[in-house]
Amino acid sequence: MTGGVESSSPSSSSSSPSRSGSSAAARWERSSEVLWRRTASGVAVLPIDSSAAVTLEGLHAALWEALVRPVPVDALVDPLATFLPDESAAAARELNEAVRFMVAAGAVRESVEP
């Protein structure tokens, strides 16, 4: 994965970027159930139901910053291109993996807004 993530492992979860697989229609947002703070190396997030903070760096920190409002994953490829492989399928795969990681960490959730 591009970028780094330092922390205790997030709780194990089978969450995926969409309940029905990797759907372009799914929109993602920051969880409202998380405390966060910018740091010198990225963004530290602490889900309120966890005792372990996660430090997001590189792609993960940029993804966090991009999710100020609900957005579908495919709309994030261009803004996050500097953190992604040049080949579009590889870029989409890496971005989906980053979203899955952040969902498992409790930092990101699928948006309930239409």
C-alpha atoms as a PDB file:
ATOM      1  CA  MET A   1       0.000   0.000   0.000  1.00  0.00           C
ATOM      2  CA  THR A   2       1.257   3.464  -0.789  1.00  0.00           C
ATOM      3  CA  GLY A   3       1.824   5.647   2.260  1.00  0.00           C
ATOM      4  CA  GLY A   4       2.295   4.382   5.735  1.00  0.00           C
ATOM      5  CA  VAL A   5       0.111   3.565   8.624  1.00  0.00           C
ATOM      6  CA  GLU A   6       1.434   3.144  12.125  1.00  0.00           C
ATOM      7  CA  SER A   7      -0.728   1.890  14.934  1.00  0.00           C
ATOM      8  CA  SER A   8      -2.095  -1.038  16.705  1.00  0.00           C
ATOM      9  CA  SER A   9      -4.040  -3.072  14.190  1.00  0.00           C
ATOM     10  CA  PRO A  10      -7.645  -1.986  13.761  1.00  0.00           C
ATOM     11  CA  SER A  11     -10.205  -4.461  14.949  1.00  0.00           C
ATOM     12  CA  SER A  12     -10.661  -7.279  12.503  1.00  0.00           C
ATOM     13  CA  SER A  13     -13.590  -6.701  10.178  1.00  0.00           C
ATOM     14  CA  SER A  14     -14.910  -8.042   6.938  1.00  0.00           C
ATOM     15  CA  SER A  15     -16.070  -4.596   5.857  1.00  0.00           C
ATOM     16  CA  SER A  16     -15.587  -3.731   2.235  1.00  0.00           C
ATOM     17  CA  PRO A  17     -15.900  -0.444   0.384  1.00  0.00           C
ATOM     18  CA  SER A  18     -19.541  -1.304  -0.152  1.00  0.00           C
ATOM     19  CA  ARG A  19     -22.002  -3.653   1.425  1.00  0.00           C
ATOM     20  CA  SER A  20     -22.550  -5.209  -2.013  1.00  0.00           C
ATOM     21  CA  GLY A  21     -18.899  -5.187  -3.086  1.00  0.00           C
ATOM     22  CA  SER A  22     -16.959  -2.327  -4.590  1.00  0.00           C
ATOM     23  CA  SER A  23     -19.795  -0.198  -5.941  1.00  0.00           C
ATOM     24  CA  ALA A  24     -19.111   3.080  -7.699  1.00  0.00           C
ATOM     25  CA  ALA A  25     -22.447   4.326  -6.292  1.00  0.00           C
ATOM     26  CA  ALA A  26     -21.282   3.981  -2.680  1.00  0.00           C
ATOM     27  CA  ARG A  27     -20.214   7.268  -1.125  1.00  0.00           C
ATOM     28  CA  TRP A  28     -17.752   7.420   1.742  1.00  0.00           C
ATOM     29  CA  GLU A  29     -17.331   9.916   4.570  1.00  0.00           C
ATOM     30  CA  ARG A  30     -15.410  10.404   7.779  1.00  0.00           C
ATOM     31  CA  SER A  31     -17.070   8.666  10.683  1.00  0.00           C
ATOM     32  CA  SER A  32     -18.721  11.013  13.148  1.00  0.00           C
ATOM     33  CA  GLU A  33     -17.736   8.485  15.829  1.00  0.00           C
ATOM     34  CA  VAL A  34     -14.040   9.399  15.728  1.00  0.00           C
ATOM     35  CA  LEU A  35     -11.780  11.972  17.328  1.00  0.00           C
ATOM     36  CA  TRP A  36      -8.993  13.192  15.081  1.00  0.00           C
ATOM     37  CA  ARG A  37      -6.090  15.600  14.908  1.00  0.00           C
ATOM     38  CA  ARG A  38      -3.547  16.596  12.296  1.00  0.00           C
ATOM     39  CA  THR A  39       0.001  15.714  13.294  1.00  0.00           C
ATOM     40  CA  ALA A  40       3.414  16.466  11.824  1.00  0.00           C
ATOM     41  CA  SER A  41       3.364  13.107  10.043  1.00  0.00           C
ATOM     42  CA  GLY A  42      -0.300  12.860   9.012  1.00  0.00           C
ATOM     43  CA  VAL A  43      -3.589  12.454  10.846  1.00  0.00           C
ATOM     44  CA  ALA A  44      -4.228  10.632  14.129  1.00  0.00           C
ATOM     45  CA  VAL A  45      -7.713   9.135  14.496  1.00  0.00           C
ATOM     46  CA  LEU A  46      -9.268   7.555  17.559  1.00  0.00           C
ATOM     47  CA  PRO A  47     -12.655   5.873  17.165  1.00  0.00           C
ATOM     48  CA  ILE A  48     -14.677   6.628  20.290  1.00  0.00           C
ATOM     49  CA  ASP A  49     -15.277   2.913  20.915  1.00  0.00           C
ATOM     50  CA  SER A  50     -11.559   2.069  20.755  1.00  0.00           C
ATOM     51  CA  SER A  51      -8.567   2.554  23.000  1.00  0.00           C
ATOM     52  CA  ALA A  52      -6.112   2.469  20.091  1.00  0.00           C
ATOM     53  CA  ALA A  53      -5.353   5.492  17.945  1.00  0.00           C
ATOM     54  CA  VAL A  54      -4.364   5.034  14.305  1.00  0.00           C
ATOM     55  CA  THR A  55      -1.880   7.372  12.611  1.00  0.00           C
ATOM     56  CA  LEU A  56      -2.731   7.842   8.946  1.00  0.00           C
ATOM     57  CA  GLU A  57       0.112   8.817   6.615  1.00  0.00           C
ATOM     58  CA  GLY A  58       0.554   9.150   2.860  1.00  0.00           C
ATOM     59  CA  LEU A  59      -2.460   7.899   0.895  1.00  0.00           C
ATOM     60  CA  HIS A  60      -4.481   7.258   4.055  1.00  0.00           C
ATOM     61  CA  ALA A  61      -3.973  10.810   5.375  1.00  0.00           C
ATOM     62  CA  ALA A  62      -4.761  12.298   1.957  1.00  0.00           C
ATOM     63  CA  LEU A  63      -7.908  10.145   1.755  1.00  0.00           C
ATOM     64  CA  TRP A  64      -8.975  11.378   5.198  1.00  0.00           C
ATOM     65  CA  GLU A  65      -8.494  14.980   4.068  1.00  0.00           C
ATOM     66  CA  ALA A  66     -10.468  14.318   0.860  1.00  0.00           C
ATOM     67  CA  LEU A  67     -13.460  12.936   2.748  1.00  0.00           C
ATOM     68  CA  VAL A  68     -14.637  16.257   4.195  1.00  0.00           C
ATOM     69  CA  ARG A  69     -17.961  15.488   2.559  1.00  0.00           C
ATOM     70  CA  PRO A  70     -19.406  12.207   1.237  1.00  0.00           C
ATOM     71  CA  VAL A  71     -17.792  11.190  -2.050  1.00  0.00           C
ATOM     72  CA  PRO A  72     -17.652   8.028  -4.221  1.00  0.00           C
ATOM     73  CA  VAL A  73     -14.279   6.280  -4.505  1.00  0.00           C
ATOM     74  CA  ASP A  74     -14.063   6.844  -8.267  1.00  0.00           C
ATOM     75  CA  ALA A  75     -14.193  10.622  -7.695  1.00  0.00           C
ATOM     76  CA  LEU A  76     -11.087  10.359  -5.476  1.00  0.00           C
ATOM     77  CA  VAL A  77      -8.711   8.857  -8.045  1.00  0.00           C
ATOM     78  CA  ASP A  78      -7.707  12.163  -9.666  1.00  0.00           C
ATOM     79  CA  PRO A  79      -7.343  14.228  -6.459  1.00  0.00           C
ATOM     80  CA  LEU A  80      -5.220  11.458  -4.872  1.00  0.00           C
ATOM     81  CA  ALA A  81      -3.266  10.566  -8.034  1.00  0.00           C
ATOM     82  CA  THR A  82       0.114  11.507  -6.525  1.00  0.00           C
ATOM     83  CA  PHE A  83      -0.324   8.666  -4.012  1.00  0.00           C
ATOM     84  CA  LEU A  84      -1.578   6.076  -6.526  1.00  0.00           C
ATOM     85  CA  PRO A  85      -0.048   3.917  -9.275  1.00  0.00           C
ATOM     86  CA  ASP A  86      -0.318   5.281 -12.831  1.00  0.00           C
ATOM     87  CA  GLU A  87      -2.300   2.320 -14.153  1.00  0.00           C
ATOM     88  CA  SER A  88      -6.017   2.977 -13.517  1.00  0.00           C
ATOM     89  CA  ALA A  89      -7.010  -0.542 -12.386  1.00  0.00           C
ATOM     90  CA  ALA A  90      -4.102  -0.638  -9.923  1.00  0.00           C
ATOM     91  CA  ALA A  91      -4.990   2.855  -8.683  1.00  0.00           C
ATOM     92  CA  ALA A  92      -8.632   1.874  -8.129  1.00  0.00           C
ATOM     93  CA  ARG A  93      -7.572  -1.329  -6.344  1.00  0.00           C
ATOM     94  CA  GLU A  94      -5.178   0.523  -4.034  1.00  0.00           C
ATOM     95  CA  LEU A  95      -7.745   3.212  -3.253  1.00  0.00           C
ATOM     96  CA  ASN A  96     -10.387   0.581  -2.460  1.00  0.00           C
ATOM     97  CA  GLU A  97      -7.896  -1.166  -0.152  1.00  0.00           C
ATOM     98  CA  ALA A  98      -7.266   2.141   1.631  1.00  0.00           C
ATOM     99  CA  VAL A  99     -11.005   2.680   2.102  1.00  0.00           C
ATOM    100  CA  ARG A 100     -11.411  -0.892   3.437  1.00  0.00           C
ATOM    101  CA  PHE A 101      -8.560  -0.334   5.904  1.00  0.00           C
ATOM    102  CA  MET A 102     -10.079   2.933   7.122  1.00  0.00           C
ATOM    103  CA  VAL A 103     -13.529   1.340   7.473  1.00  0.00           C
ATOM    104  CA  ALA A 104     -11.980  -1.484   9.529  1.00  0.00           C
ATOM    105  CA  ALA A 105     -10.171   1.123  11.653  1.00  0.00           C
ATOM    106  CA  GLY A 106     -13.492   2.857  12.332  1.00  0.00           C
ATOM    107  CA  ALA A 107     -12.359   6.110  10.697  1.00  0.00           C
ATOM    108  CA  VAL A 108     -14.562   6.001   7.587  1.00  0.00           C
ATOM    109  CA  ARG A 109     -18.085   4.791   6.906  1.00  0.00           C
ATOM    110  CA  GLU A 110     -20.447   4.496   3.984  1.00  0.00           C
ATOM    111  CA  SER A 111     -22.500   7.667   3.773  1.00  0.00           C
ATOM    112  CA  VAL A 112     -26.166   7.488   4.677  1.00  0.00           C
ATOM    113  CA  GLU A 113     -26.823  10.732   2.801  1.00  0.00           C
ATOM    114  CA  PRO A 114     -28.362  10.287  -0.674  1.00  0.00           C
END
